[in-house]
PDB file of all heavy atoms in Angstrom:
ATOM      1  N   ALA A   1       0.867  -1.151  -0.006  1.00  0.00           N
ATOM      2  CA  ALA A   1       0.045  -0.043  -0.018  1.00  0.00           C
ATOM      3  C   ALA A   1       0.897   1.241  -0.031  1.00  0.00           C
ATOM      4  O   ALA A   1       0.588   2.230  -0.682  1.00  0.00           O
ATOM      5  CB  ALA A   1      -0.975  -0.025   1.232  1.00  0.00           C
ATOM      6  N   TYR A   2       1.922   1.242   0.874  1.00  0.00           N
ATOM      7  CA  TYR A   2       2.858   2.425   0.876  1.00  0.00           C
ATOM      8  C   TYR A   2       3.377   2.668  -0.625  1.00  0.00           C
ATOM      9  O   TYR A   2       3.596   3.798  -0.978  1.00  0.00           O
ATOM     10  CB  TYR A   2       3.974   2.191   1.832  1.00  0.00           C
ATOM     11  CG  TYR A   2       3.552   2.517   3.237  1.00  0.00           C
ATOM     12  CD1 TYR A   2       4.251   1.797   4.338  1.00  0.00           C
ATOM     13  CD2 TYR A   2       2.686   3.509   3.571  1.00  0.00           C
ATOM     14  CE1 TYR A   2       3.918   2.164   5.644  1.00  0.00           C
ATOM     15  CE2 TYR A   2       2.445   3.845   4.981  1.00  0.00           C
ATOM     16  CZ  TYR A   2       2.994   3.115   5.933  1.00  0.00           C
ATOM     17  OH  TYR A   2       2.727   3.407   7.275  1.00  0.00           O
ATOM     18  N   PHE A   3       3.808   1.549  -1.265  1.00  0.00           N
ATOM     19  CA  PHE A   3       4.409   1.704  -2.552  1.00  0.00           C
ATOM     20  C   PHE A   3       3.396   2.312  -3.580  1.00  0.00           C
ATOM     21  O   PHE A   3       3.800   3.138  -4.374  1.00  0.00           O
ATOM     22  CB  PHE A   3       4.862   0.330  -3.038  1.00  0.00           C
ATOM     23  CG  PHE A   3       5.696   0.412  -4.366  1.00  0.00           C
ATOM     24  CD1 PHE A   3       7.052   0.734  -4.193  1.00  0.00           C
ATOM     25  CD2 PHE A   3       5.160   0.195  -5.614  1.00  0.00           C
ATOM     26  CE1 PHE A   3       7.840   0.858  -5.426  1.00  0.00           C
ATOM     27  CE2 PHE A   3       5.923   0.357  -6.700  1.00  0.00           C
ATOM     28  CZ  PHE A   3       7.285   0.570  -6.617  1.00  0.00           C
ATOM     29  N   GLU A   4       2.169   1.944  -3.491  1.00  0.00           N
ATOM     30  CA  GLU A   4       1.096   2.552  -4.269  1.00  0.00           C
ATOM     31  C   GLU A   4       1.041   4.009  -4.161  1.00  0.00           C
ATOM     32  O   GLU A   4       0.767   4.724  -5.105  1.00  0.00           O
ATOM     33  CB  GLU A   4      -0.274   1.870  -4.025  1.00  0.00           C
ATOM     34  CG  GLU A   4      -0.461   0.415  -4.428  1.00  0.00           C
ATOM     35  CD  GLU A   4      -0.569   0.311  -5.971  1.00  0.00           C
ATOM     36  OE1 GLU A   4      -1.191   1.167  -6.541  1.00  0.00           O
ATOM     37  OE2 GLU A   4       0.017  -0.650  -6.455  1.00  0.00           O
ATOM     38  N   LYS A   5       1.260   4.563  -3.018  1.00  0.00           N
ATOM     39  CA  LYS A   5       1.192   6.005  -2.651  1.00  0.00           C
ATOM     40  C   LYS A   5       2.594   6.615  -2.793  1.00  0.00           C
ATOM     41  O   LYS A   5       2.716   7.833  -2.422  1.00  0.00           O
ATOM     42  CB  LYS A   5       0.625   6.233  -1.319  1.00  0.00           C
ATOM     43  CG  LYS A   5      -0.783   5.613  -1.118  1.00  0.00           C
ATOM     44  CD  LYS A   5      -1.838   6.080  -2.088  1.00  0.00           C
ATOM     45  CE  LYS A   5      -2.228   7.520  -1.907  1.00  0.00           C
ATOM     46  NZ  LYS A   5      -3.329   7.967  -2.769  1.00  0.00           N
ATOM     47  N   ARG A   6       3.584   5.815  -3.150  1.00  0.00           N
ATOM     48  CA  ARG A   6       4.981   6.316  -3.317  1.00  0.00           C
ATOM     49  C   ARG A   6       5.478   6.888  -1.999  1.00  0.00           C
ATOM     50  O   ARG A   6       6.260   7.820  -1.930  1.00  0.00           O
ATOM     51  CB  ARG A   6       5.095   7.427  -4.386  1.00  0.00           C
ATOM     52  CG  ARG A   6       4.707   6.807  -5.713  1.00  0.00           C
ATOM     53  CD  ARG A   6       4.848   7.885  -6.823  1.00  0.00           C
ATOM     54  NE  ARG A   6       6.246   8.215  -7.089  1.00  0.00           N
ATOM     55  CZ  ARG A   6       6.974   7.469  -7.833  1.00  0.00           C
ATOM     56  NH1 ARG A   6       6.580   6.364  -8.463  1.00  0.00           N
ATOM     57  NH2 ARG A   6       8.290   7.781  -8.111  1.00  0.00           N
ATOM     58  N   ARG A   7       5.106   6.248  -0.876  1.00  0.00           N
ATOM     59  CA  ARG A   7       5.577   6.631   0.472  1.00  0.00           C
ATOM     60  C   ARG A   7       6.791   5.769   0.764  1.00  0.00           C
ATOM     61  O   ARG A   7       6.804   4.837   1.612  1.00  0.00           O
ATOM     62  CB  ARG A   7       4.534   6.402   1.543  1.00  0.00           C
ATOM     63  CG  ARG A   7       3.401   7.477   1.324  1.00  0.00           C
ATOM     64  CD  ARG A   7       2.152   7.301   2.246  1.00  0.00           C
ATOM     65  NE  ARG A   7       2.547   7.266   3.711  1.00  0.00           N
ATOM     66  CZ  ARG A   7       1.652   7.107   4.665  1.00  0.00           C
ATOM     67  NH1 ARG A   7       0.411   7.056   4.368  1.00  0.00           N
ATOM     68  NH2 ARG A   7       2.057   7.077   5.964  1.00  0.00           N
ATOM     69  N   PHE A   8       7.932   6.039   0.105  1.00  0.00           N
ATOM     70  CA  PHE A   8       9.118   5.119   0.103  1.00  0.00           C
ATOM     71  C   PHE A   8       9.739   5.109   1.456  1.00  0.00           C
ATOM     72  O   PHE A   8      10.158   3.967   1.918  1.00  0.00           O
ATOM     73  CB  PHE A   8      10.069   5.549  -0.975  1.00  0.00           C
ATOM     74  CG  PHE A   8       9.493   5.583  -2.427  1.00  0.00           C
ATOM     75  CD1 PHE A   8       9.623   6.695  -3.177  1.00  0.00           C
ATOM     76  CD2 PHE A   8       8.899   4.445  -2.858  1.00  0.00           C
ATOM     77  CE1 PHE A   8       9.072   6.674  -4.478  1.00  0.00           C
ATOM     78  CE2 PHE A   8       8.365   4.394  -4.149  1.00  0.00           C
ATOM     79  CZ  PHE A   8       8.482   5.546  -4.902  1.00  0.00           C
ATOM     80  N   GLU A   9       9.855   6.226   2.141  1.00  0.00           N
ATOM     81  CA  GLU A   9      10.445   6.247   3.479  1.00  0.00           C
ATOM     82  C   GLU A   9       9.698   5.332   4.477  1.00  0.00           C
ATOM     83  O   GLU A   9      10.255   4.598   5.259  1.00  0.00           O
ATOM     84  CB  GLU A   9      10.615   7.664   3.959  1.00  0.00           C
ATOM     85  CG  GLU A   9      11.546   8.541   3.202  1.00  0.00           C
ATOM     86  CD  GLU A   9      13.015   8.141   3.288  1.00  0.00           C
ATOM     87  OE1 GLU A   9      13.368   7.331   4.189  1.00  0.00           O
ATOM     88  OE2 GLU A   9      13.875   8.841   2.695  1.00  0.00           O
ATOM     89  N   ASP A  10       8.392   5.560   4.485  1.00  0.00           N
ATOM     90  CA  ASP A  10       7.504   4.728   5.359  1.00  0.00           C
ATOM     91  C   ASP A  10       7.684   3.176   4.995  1.00  0.00           C
ATOM     92  O   ASP A  10       7.650   2.370   5.823  1.00  0.00           O
ATOM     93  CB  ASP A  10       6.079   5.147   5.205  1.00  0.00           C
ATOM     94  CG  ASP A  10       5.808   6.488   5.867  1.00  0.00           C
ATOM     95  OD1 ASP A  10       6.498   6.865   6.836  1.00  0.00           O
ATOM     96  OD2 ASP A  10       4.971   7.252   5.321  1.00  0.00           O
ATOM     97  N   LEU A  11       7.700   3.010   3.696  1.00  0.00           N
ATOM     98  CA  LEU A  11       7.934   1.536   3.259  1.00  0.00           C
ATOM     99  C   LEU A  11       9.226   1.011   3.785  1.00  0.00           C
ATOM    100  O   LEU A  11       9.156  -0.156   4.325  1.00  0.00           O
ATOM    101  CB  LEU A  11       7.894   1.485   1.717  1.00  0.00           C
ATOM    102  CG  LEU A  11       7.807   0.168   0.994  1.00  0.00           C
ATOM    103  CD1 LEU A  11       7.242   0.330  -0.371  1.00  0.00           C
ATOM    104  CD2 LEU A  11       9.237  -0.522   0.952  1.00  0.00           C
ATOM    105  N   ILE A  12      10.204   1.670   3.693  1.00  0.00           N
ATOM    106  CA  ILE A  12      11.503   1.173   4.169  1.00  0.00           C
ATOM    107  C   ILE A  12      11.560   0.884   5.708  1.00  0.00           C
ATOM    108  O   ILE A  12      11.986  -0.139   6.091  1.00  0.00           O
ATOM    109  CB  ILE A  12      12.721   2.179   3.834  1.00  0.00           C
ATOM    110  CG1 ILE A  12      12.845   2.160   2.229  1.00  0.00           C
ATOM    111  CG2 ILE A  12      13.977   1.785   4.494  1.00  0.00           C
ATOM    112  CD1 ILE A  12      13.697   3.325   1.760  1.00  0.00           C
ATOM    113  N   THR A  13      10.905   1.836   6.395  1.00  0.00           N
ATOM    114  CA  THR A  13      10.779   1.651   7.833  1.00  0.00           C
ATOM    115  C   THR A  13      10.069   0.418   8.241  1.00  0.00           C
ATOM    116  O   THR A  13      10.453  -0.354   9.089  1.00  0.00           O
ATOM    117  CB  THR A  13      10.189   2.944   8.514  1.00  0.00           C
ATOM    118  OG1 THR A  13      10.932   4.063   8.292  1.00  0.00           O
ATOM    119  CG2 THR A  13       9.968   2.688   9.987  1.00  0.00           C
ATOM    120  N   THR A  14       8.901   0.190   7.419  1.00  0.00           N
ATOM    121  CA  THR A  14       8.055  -0.989   7.721  1.00  0.00           C
ATOM    122  C   THR A  14       8.889  -2.241   7.296  1.00  0.00           C
ATOM    123  O   THR A  14       8.840  -3.256   8.042  1.00  0.00           O
ATOM    124  CB  THR A  14       6.804  -0.909   6.903  1.00  0.00           C
ATOM    125  OG1 THR A  14       6.106   0.328   7.372  1.00  0.00           O
ATOM    126  CG2 THR A  14       5.890  -2.081   7.184  1.00  0.00           C
ATOM    127  N   ALA A  15       9.515  -2.245   6.217  1.00  0.00           N
ATOM    128  CA  ALA A  15      10.277  -3.414   5.692  1.00  0.00           C
ATOM    129  C   ALA A  15      11.244  -3.879   6.762  1.00  0.00           C
ATOM    130  O   ALA A  15      11.555  -5.101   6.925  1.00  0.00           O
ATOM    131  CB  ALA A  15      10.866  -3.186   4.347  1.00  0.00           C
ATOM    132  N   LYS A  16      11.996  -2.917   7.349  1.00  0.00           N
ATOM    133  CA  LYS A  16      13.045  -3.284   8.398  1.00  0.00           C
ATOM    134  C   LYS A  16      12.485  -3.993   9.504  1.00  0.00           C
ATOM    135  O   LYS A  16      13.179  -4.749  10.133  1.00  0.00           O
ATOM    136  CB  LYS A  16      13.775  -1.993   8.788  1.00  0.00           C
ATOM    137  CG  LYS A  16      14.669  -1.445   7.679  1.00  0.00           C
ATOM    138  CD  LYS A  16      15.349  -0.116   8.089  1.00  0.00           C
ATOM    139  CE  LYS A  16      16.285   0.349   6.996  1.00  0.00           C
ATOM    140  NZ  LYS A  16      16.942   1.633   7.353  1.00  0.00           N
ATOM    141  N   LYS A  17      11.263  -3.842   9.776  1.00  0.00           N
ATOM    142  CA  LYS A  17      10.576  -4.586  10.950  1.00  0.00           C
ATOM    143  C   LYS A  17      10.519  -6.063  10.724  1.00  0.00           C
ATOM    144  O   LYS A  17      10.572  -6.829  11.649  1.00  0.00           O
ATOM    145  CB  LYS A  17       9.221  -4.062  11.261  1.00  0.00           C
ATOM    146  CG  LYS A  17       9.152  -2.603  11.714  1.00  0.00           C
ATOM    147  CD  LYS A  17       7.737  -2.146  11.857  1.00  0.00           C
ATOM    148  CE  LYS A  17       7.536  -0.636  12.260  1.00  0.00           C
ATOM    149  NZ  LYS A  17       6.113  -0.197  12.371  1.00  0.00           N
ATOM    150  N   ILE A  18      10.347  -6.475   9.327  1.00  0.00           N
ATOM    151  CA  ILE A  18      10.223  -7.854   9.112  1.00  0.00           C
ATOM    152  C   ILE A  18      11.288  -8.414   8.229  1.00  0.00           C
ATOM    153  O   ILE A  18      11.243  -9.558   7.634  1.00  0.00           O
ATOM    154  CB  ILE A  18       8.798  -8.138   8.398  1.00  0.00           C
ATOM    155  CG1 ILE A  18       8.756  -7.288   7.171  1.00  0.00           C
ATOM    156  CG2 ILE A  18       7.618  -7.913   9.257  1.00  0.00           C
ATOM    157  CD1 ILE A  18       7.473  -7.548   6.316  1.00  0.00           C
ATOM    158  N   TYR A  19      12.393  -7.636   8.047  1.00  0.00           N
ATOM    159  CA  TYR A  19      13.453  -8.021   7.130  1.00  0.00           C
ATOM    160  C   TYR A  19      14.083  -9.338   7.572  1.00  0.00           C
ATOM    161  O   TYR A  19      14.551 -10.107   6.751  1.00  0.00           O
ATOM    162  CB  TYR A  19      14.496  -6.898   7.123  1.00  0.00           C
ATOM    163  CG  TYR A  19      15.657  -7.136   6.182  1.00  0.00           C
ATOM    164  CD1 TYR A  19      15.497  -6.752   4.901  1.00  0.00           C
ATOM    165  CD2 TYR A  19      16.881  -7.734   6.559  1.00  0.00           C
ATOM    166  CE1 TYR A  19      16.532  -6.951   3.968  1.00  0.00           C
ATOM    167  CE2 TYR A  19      17.879  -7.971   5.667  1.00  0.00           C
ATOM    168  CZ  TYR A  19      17.736  -7.507   4.333  1.00  0.00           C
ATOM    169  OH  TYR A  19      18.757  -7.720   3.507  1.00  0.00           O
ATOM    170  N   HIS A  20      14.115  -9.652   8.870  1.00  0.00           N
ATOM    171  CA  HIS A  20      14.734 -10.845   9.360  1.00  0.00           C
ATOM    172  C   HIS A  20      13.975 -12.113   9.073  1.00  0.00           C
ATOM    173  O   HIS A  20      14.534 -13.175   9.252  1.00  0.00           O
ATOM    174  CB  HIS A  20      15.008 -10.703  10.823  1.00  0.00           C
ATOM    175  CG  HIS A  20      13.712 -10.647  11.606  1.00  0.00           C
ATOM    176  ND1 HIS A  20      12.937  -9.472  11.684  1.00  0.00           N
ATOM    177  CD2 HIS A  20      13.055 -11.590  12.315  1.00  0.00           C
ATOM    178  CE1 HIS A  20      11.908  -9.708  12.408  1.00  0.00           C
ATOM    179  NE2 HIS A  20      11.960 -10.927  12.842  1.00  0.00           N
ATOM    180  N   LEU A  21      12.760 -12.017   8.711  1.00  0.00           N
ATOM    181  CA  LEU A  21      11.910 -13.209   8.496  1.00  0.00           C
ATOM    182  C   LEU A  21      12.330 -13.889   7.182  1.00  0.00           C
ATOM    183  O   LEU A  21      12.477 -13.167   6.142  1.00  0.00           O
ATOM    184  CB  LEU A  21      10.398 -12.764   8.383  1.00  0.00           C
ATOM    185  CG  LEU A  21       9.845 -12.175   9.723  1.00  0.00           C
ATOM    186  CD1 LEU A  21       8.398 -11.712   9.524  1.00  0.00           C
ATOM    187  CD2 LEU A  21       9.974 -13.151  10.862  1.00  0.00           C
ATOM    188  N   PRO A  22      12.380 -15.226   7.137  1.00  0.00           N
ATOM    189  CA  PRO A  22      12.839 -15.879   5.943  1.00  0.00           C
ATOM    190  C   PRO A  22      11.848 -15.677   4.742  1.00  0.00           C
ATOM    191  O   PRO A  22      12.262 -15.688   3.637  1.00  0.00           O
ATOM    192  CB  PRO A  22      12.947 -17.404   6.408  1.00  0.00           C
ATOM    193  CG  PRO A  22      12.151 -17.454   7.659  1.00  0.00           C
ATOM    194  CD  PRO A  22      12.267 -16.109   8.261  1.00  0.00           C
ATOM    195  N   GLN A  23      10.611 -15.515   5.078  1.00  0.00           N
ATOM    196  CA  GLN A  23       9.607 -15.390   4.046  1.00  0.00           C
ATOM    197  C   GLN A  23       9.718 -14.056   3.317  1.00  0.00           C
ATOM    198  O   GLN A  23       9.332 -13.919   2.147  1.00  0.00           O
ATOM    199  CB  GLN A  23       8.163 -15.383   4.582  1.00  0.00           C
ATOM    200  CG  GLN A  23       7.867 -16.772   5.263  1.00  0.00           C
ATOM    201  CD  GLN A  23       8.170 -16.706   6.810  1.00  0.00           C
ATOM    202  OE1 GLN A  23       9.079 -16.058   7.234  1.00  0.00           O
ATOM    203  NE2 GLN A  23       7.494 -17.447   7.528  1.00  0.00           N
ATOM    204  N   PHE A  24      10.315 -13.045   3.967  1.00  0.00           N
ATOM    205  CA  PHE A  24      10.454 -11.703   3.373  1.00  0.00           C
ATOM    206  C   PHE A  24      11.339 -11.836   2.112  1.00  0.00           C
ATOM    207  O   PHE A  24      11.074 -11.063   1.086  1.00  0.00           O
ATOM    208  CB  PHE A  24      11.061 -10.762   4.382  1.00  0.00           C
ATOM    209  CG  PHE A  24      11.227  -9.392   3.836  1.00  0.00           C
ATOM    210  CD1 PHE A  24      10.119  -8.518   3.745  1.00  0.00           C
ATOM    211  CD2 PHE A  24      12.451  -8.869   3.482  1.00  0.00           C
ATOM    212  CE1 PHE A  24      10.232  -7.259   3.317  1.00  0.00           C
ATOM    213  CE2 PHE A  24      12.556  -7.515   2.965  1.00  0.00           C
ATOM    214  CZ  PHE A  24      11.467  -6.780   2.913  1.00  0.00           C
TER     215      PHE A  24
END
């Protein structure tokens, strides 16, 4: 959803929360 709105900084912050998960 963030990507759809081009909210790249918010997207990066959110991605870092789950980056460690193997499914990511």
